């Protein structure tokens, strides 16, 4: 499995992000970050995206991506929540 799916952030990046939480937006309206949640667990990498759960595949199909037949696509990158699950 490729290490591309593991993005490491530095401690200074984390501190910058935390310090920016209280800042007002310079342009446009503020975004309420409390309305967003992180998934409790990361999803595993899937070398074969056709084995994803049926509910997920139906949602992906609604965007026009057919996962069951690789000849219908030239390349696929799937990210679910914050995790790349196939590339």
N, C-alpha and C. Protein backbone atom coordinates (compact mmCIF):
# COMPACT_ATOMS: atom_id res chain seq x y z
N UNK A 1 0.84 -1.17 0.00
CA UNK A 1 0.00 0.00 0.00
C UNK A 1 0.89 1.24 0.00
N UNK A 2 0.49 2.22 -0.75
CA UNK A 2 1.27 3.44 -0.88
C UNK A 2 1.19 4.27 0.41
N UNK A 3 2.24 5.01 0.68
CA UNK A 3 2.25 5.88 1.84
C UNK A 3 1.63 7.24 1.52
N UNK A 4 1.14 7.42 0.30
CA UNK A 4 0.53 8.70 -0.06
C UNK A 4 -0.70 9.03 0.77
N UNK A 5 -1.39 8.01 1.26
CA UNK A 5 -2.60 8.27 2.01
C UNK A 5 -2.33 8.74 3.44
N UNK A 6 -1.10 8.69 3.88
CA UNK A 6 -0.74 9.15 5.22
C UNK A 6 -0.11 10.53 5.12
N UNK A 7 -0.86 11.55 5.48
CA UNK A 7 -0.34 12.91 5.46
C UNK A 7 0.03 13.28 6.88
N UNK A 8 1.26 13.63 7.06
CA UNK A 8 1.75 13.97 8.39
C UNK A 8 1.79 15.50 8.52
N UNK A 9 1.22 16.00 9.60
CA UNK A 9 1.28 17.43 9.84
C UNK A 9 2.26 17.69 10.97
N UNK A 10 2.95 18.79 10.85
CA UNK A 10 3.94 19.12 11.87
C UNK A 10 3.25 19.74 13.08
N UNK A 11 3.95 19.79 14.16
CA UNK A 11 3.41 20.39 15.39
C UNK A 11 3.15 21.88 15.16
N UNK A 12 4.00 22.55 14.39
CA UNK A 12 3.78 23.97 14.13
C UNK A 12 2.52 24.20 13.30
N UNK A 13 2.22 23.28 12.36
CA UNK A 13 0.98 23.39 11.58
C UNK A 13 -0.24 23.25 12.49
N UNK A 14 -0.16 22.33 13.44
CA UNK A 14 -1.28 22.14 14.37
C UNK A 14 -1.47 23.37 15.23
N UNK A 15 -0.38 23.96 15.71
CA UNK A 15 -0.48 25.16 16.55
C UNK A 15 -1.05 26.33 15.77
N UNK A 16 -0.65 26.48 14.50
CA UNK A 16 -1.20 27.55 13.66
C UNK A 16 -2.70 27.37 13.47
N UNK A 17 -3.13 26.15 13.24
CA UNK A 17 -4.55 25.88 13.04
C UNK A 17 -5.35 26.17 14.30
N UNK A 18 -4.82 25.78 15.45
CA UNK A 18 -5.51 26.03 16.72
C UNK A 18 -5.61 27.52 16.99
N UNK A 19 -4.53 28.26 16.72
CA UNK A 19 -4.55 29.70 16.98
C UNK A 19 -5.48 30.43 16.03
N UNK A 20 -5.77 29.86 14.87
CA UNK A 20 -6.64 30.51 13.89
C UNK A 20 -8.12 30.25 14.16
N UNK A 21 -8.44 29.37 15.09
CA UNK A 21 -9.83 29.03 15.34
C UNK A 21 -10.68 30.24 15.74
N UNK A 22 -10.13 31.16 16.50
CA UNK A 22 -10.90 32.30 16.97
C UNK A 22 -10.87 33.51 16.05
N UNK A 23 -10.11 33.46 14.98
CA UNK A 23 -9.99 34.61 14.08
C UNK A 23 -11.25 34.80 13.25
N UNK A 24 -11.57 36.04 12.99
CA UNK A 24 -12.70 36.37 12.12
C UNK A 24 -12.23 36.31 10.67
N UNK A 25 -13.15 35.96 9.78
CA UNK A 25 -12.84 35.88 8.36
C UNK A 25 -12.54 37.27 7.81
N UNK A 26 -11.50 37.39 7.00
CA UNK A 26 -11.15 38.67 6.38
C UNK A 26 -12.17 38.99 5.29
N UNK A 27 -12.50 38.00 4.48
CA UNK A 27 -13.47 38.17 3.40
C UNK A 27 -14.62 37.19 3.61
N UNK A 28 -15.83 37.63 3.42
CA UNK A 28 -16.98 36.73 3.52
C UNK A 28 -17.37 36.45 4.95
N UNK A 29 -18.30 35.53 5.09
CA UNK A 29 -18.81 35.21 6.43
C UNK A 29 -17.97 34.12 7.09
N UNK A 30 -18.05 34.09 8.42
CA UNK A 30 -17.33 33.07 9.18
C UNK A 30 -17.99 31.71 9.01
N UNK A 31 -17.22 30.65 9.16
CA UNK A 31 -17.73 29.29 9.12
C UNK A 31 -17.74 28.76 10.54
N UNK A 32 -18.87 28.19 10.94
CA UNK A 32 -18.98 27.60 12.27
C UNK A 32 -18.43 26.19 12.24
N UNK A 33 -17.22 26.00 12.73
CA UNK A 33 -16.55 24.70 12.68
C UNK A 33 -17.18 23.67 13.61
N UNK A 34 -17.99 24.11 14.56
CA UNK A 34 -18.62 23.15 15.47
C UNK A 34 -19.67 22.31 14.75
N UNK A 35 -20.09 22.72 13.57
CA UNK A 35 -21.06 21.95 12.81
C UNK A 35 -20.46 20.79 12.05
N UNK A 36 -19.15 20.63 12.10
CA UNK A 36 -18.46 19.57 11.39
C UNK A 36 -17.88 18.57 12.38
N UNK A 37 -17.85 17.31 11.99
CA UNK A 37 -17.26 16.28 12.85
C UNK A 37 -16.25 15.48 12.04
N UNK A 38 -15.31 14.90 12.72
CA UNK A 38 -14.36 13.99 12.09
C UNK A 38 -14.84 12.57 12.30
N UNK A 39 -14.58 11.70 11.32
CA UNK A 39 -14.99 10.31 11.53
C UNK A 39 -14.21 9.71 12.69
N UNK A 40 -14.83 8.76 13.35
CA UNK A 40 -14.20 8.15 14.51
C UNK A 40 -13.04 7.25 14.14
N UNK A 41 -13.07 6.69 12.92
CA UNK A 41 -11.99 5.81 12.51
C UNK A 41 -11.69 6.07 11.03
N UNK A 42 -10.47 5.79 10.65
CA UNK A 42 -10.10 5.90 9.25
C UNK A 42 -10.54 4.64 8.52
N UNK A 43 -10.93 4.82 7.29
CA UNK A 43 -11.34 3.68 6.48
C UNK A 43 -10.11 3.01 5.88
N UNK A 44 -10.15 1.70 5.69
CA UNK A 44 -8.99 1.00 5.14
C UNK A 44 -8.85 1.25 3.64
N UNK A 45 -7.62 1.17 3.15
CA UNK A 45 -7.36 1.26 1.72
C UNK A 45 -7.98 0.06 1.02
N UNK A 46 -8.64 0.29 -0.10
CA UNK A 46 -9.25 -0.78 -0.88
C UNK A 46 -8.54 -0.91 -2.22
N UNK A 47 -7.73 -1.95 -2.42
CA UNK A 47 -7.08 -2.11 -3.72
C UNK A 47 -8.07 -2.35 -4.84
N UNK A 48 -9.23 -2.92 -4.51
CA UNK A 48 -10.29 -3.17 -5.49
C UNK A 48 -11.54 -2.42 -5.04
N UNK A 49 -11.86 -1.28 -5.65
CA UNK A 49 -13.01 -0.50 -5.18
C UNK A 49 -14.35 -1.18 -5.41
N UNK A 50 -14.39 -2.23 -6.22
CA UNK A 50 -15.66 -2.92 -6.45
C UNK A 50 -16.12 -3.70 -5.23
N UNK A 51 -15.27 -3.85 -4.21
CA UNK A 51 -15.67 -4.57 -2.99
C UNK A 51 -16.19 -3.64 -1.90
N UNK A 52 -16.34 -2.36 -2.21
CA UNK A 52 -16.92 -1.43 -1.25
C UNK A 52 -18.36 -1.83 -0.95
N UNK A 53 -18.90 -1.45 0.19
CA UNK A 53 -20.29 -1.77 0.52
C UNK A 53 -21.26 -1.22 -0.53
N UNK A 54 -22.36 -1.93 -0.74
CA UNK A 54 -23.33 -1.58 -1.77
C UNK A 54 -23.85 -0.15 -1.60
N UNK A 55 -24.12 0.26 -0.38
CA UNK A 55 -24.62 1.62 -0.14
C UNK A 55 -23.62 2.67 -0.62
N UNK A 56 -22.34 2.45 -0.36
CA UNK A 56 -21.30 3.38 -0.82
C UNK A 56 -21.21 3.38 -2.34
N UNK A 57 -21.26 2.20 -2.95
CA UNK A 57 -21.17 2.12 -4.40
C UNK A 57 -22.36 2.80 -5.08
N UNK A 58 -23.55 2.70 -4.48
CA UNK A 58 -24.72 3.38 -5.05
C UNK A 58 -24.56 4.89 -4.97
N UNK A 59 -24.01 5.38 -3.88
CA UNK A 59 -23.77 6.81 -3.73
C UNK A 59 -22.74 7.28 -4.75
N UNK A 60 -21.69 6.50 -4.95
CA UNK A 60 -20.65 6.85 -5.93
C UNK A 60 -21.22 6.79 -7.34
N UNK A 61 -22.07 5.80 -7.61
CA UNK A 61 -22.70 5.67 -8.92
C UNK A 61 -23.57 6.89 -9.24
N UNK A 62 -24.19 7.46 -8.22
CA UNK A 62 -25.03 8.64 -8.46
C UNK A 62 -24.21 9.83 -8.94
N UNK A 63 -22.90 9.80 -8.72
CA UNK A 63 -22.03 10.86 -9.25
C UNK A 63 -21.44 10.49 -10.60
N UNK A 64 -21.80 9.30 -11.11
CA UNK A 64 -21.38 8.91 -12.45
C UNK A 64 -20.17 8.00 -12.53
N UNK A 65 -19.70 7.48 -11.41
CA UNK A 65 -18.54 6.60 -11.41
C UNK A 65 -19.00 5.16 -11.22
N UNK A 66 -18.67 4.30 -12.19
CA UNK A 66 -19.02 2.89 -12.12
C UNK A 66 -17.81 2.13 -11.60
N UNK A 67 -17.95 1.50 -10.45
CA UNK A 67 -16.81 0.83 -9.82
C UNK A 67 -16.69 -0.65 -10.17
N UNK A 68 -17.77 -1.26 -10.60
CA UNK A 68 -17.76 -2.71 -10.80
C UNK A 68 -16.97 -3.16 -12.02
N UNK A 69 -16.82 -2.31 -13.01
CA UNK A 69 -16.09 -2.70 -14.22
C UNK A 69 -14.97 -1.70 -14.48
N UNK A 70 -13.72 -2.12 -14.27
CA UNK A 70 -12.60 -1.19 -14.43
C UNK A 70 -12.40 -0.71 -15.87
N UNK A 71 -12.95 -1.41 -16.85
CA UNK A 71 -12.77 -0.96 -18.24
C UNK A 71 -13.58 0.30 -18.53
N UNK A 72 -14.55 0.64 -17.65
CA UNK A 72 -15.37 1.83 -17.84
C UNK A 72 -14.73 3.09 -17.27
N UNK A 73 -13.54 2.97 -16.72
CA UNK A 73 -12.87 4.14 -16.15
C UNK A 73 -11.37 4.03 -16.40
N UNK A 74 -10.73 5.17 -16.59
CA UNK A 74 -9.30 5.16 -16.86
C UNK A 74 -8.47 5.32 -15.59
N UNK A 75 -9.06 5.86 -14.55
CA UNK A 75 -8.37 6.02 -13.28
C UNK A 75 -9.38 6.44 -12.23
N UNK A 76 -9.14 6.06 -11.01
CA UNK A 76 -10.11 6.36 -9.96
C UNK A 76 -9.38 6.76 -8.69
N UNK A 77 -9.83 7.86 -8.11
CA UNK A 77 -9.37 8.28 -6.79
C UNK A 77 -10.62 8.41 -5.94
N UNK A 78 -10.69 7.65 -4.87
CA UNK A 78 -11.84 7.71 -3.97
C UNK A 78 -11.39 8.19 -2.61
N UNK A 79 -12.06 9.23 -2.12
CA UNK A 79 -11.81 9.71 -0.77
C UNK A 79 -13.14 9.70 -0.03
N UNK A 80 -13.16 9.03 1.10
CA UNK A 80 -14.37 8.95 1.91
C UNK A 80 -14.05 9.57 3.27
N UNK A 81 -14.85 10.55 3.66
CA UNK A 81 -14.56 11.36 4.83
C UNK A 81 -13.21 12.03 4.60
N UNK A 82 -12.24 11.78 5.44
CA UNK A 82 -10.91 12.40 5.26
C UNK A 82 -9.87 11.41 4.76
N UNK A 83 -10.29 10.23 4.32
CA UNK A 83 -9.35 9.17 4.02
C UNK A 83 -9.41 8.75 2.55
N UNK A 84 -8.28 8.82 1.83
CA UNK A 84 -8.26 8.21 0.49
C UNK A 84 -8.40 6.70 0.63
N UNK A 85 -9.41 6.11 0.00
CA UNK A 85 -9.62 4.67 0.12
C UNK A 85 -9.21 3.91 -1.13
N UNK A 86 -9.00 4.62 -2.23
CA UNK A 86 -8.52 3.95 -3.45
C UNK A 86 -7.90 4.99 -4.36
N UNK A 87 -6.74 4.65 -4.93
CA UNK A 87 -6.11 5.49 -5.95
C UNK A 87 -5.19 4.65 -6.78
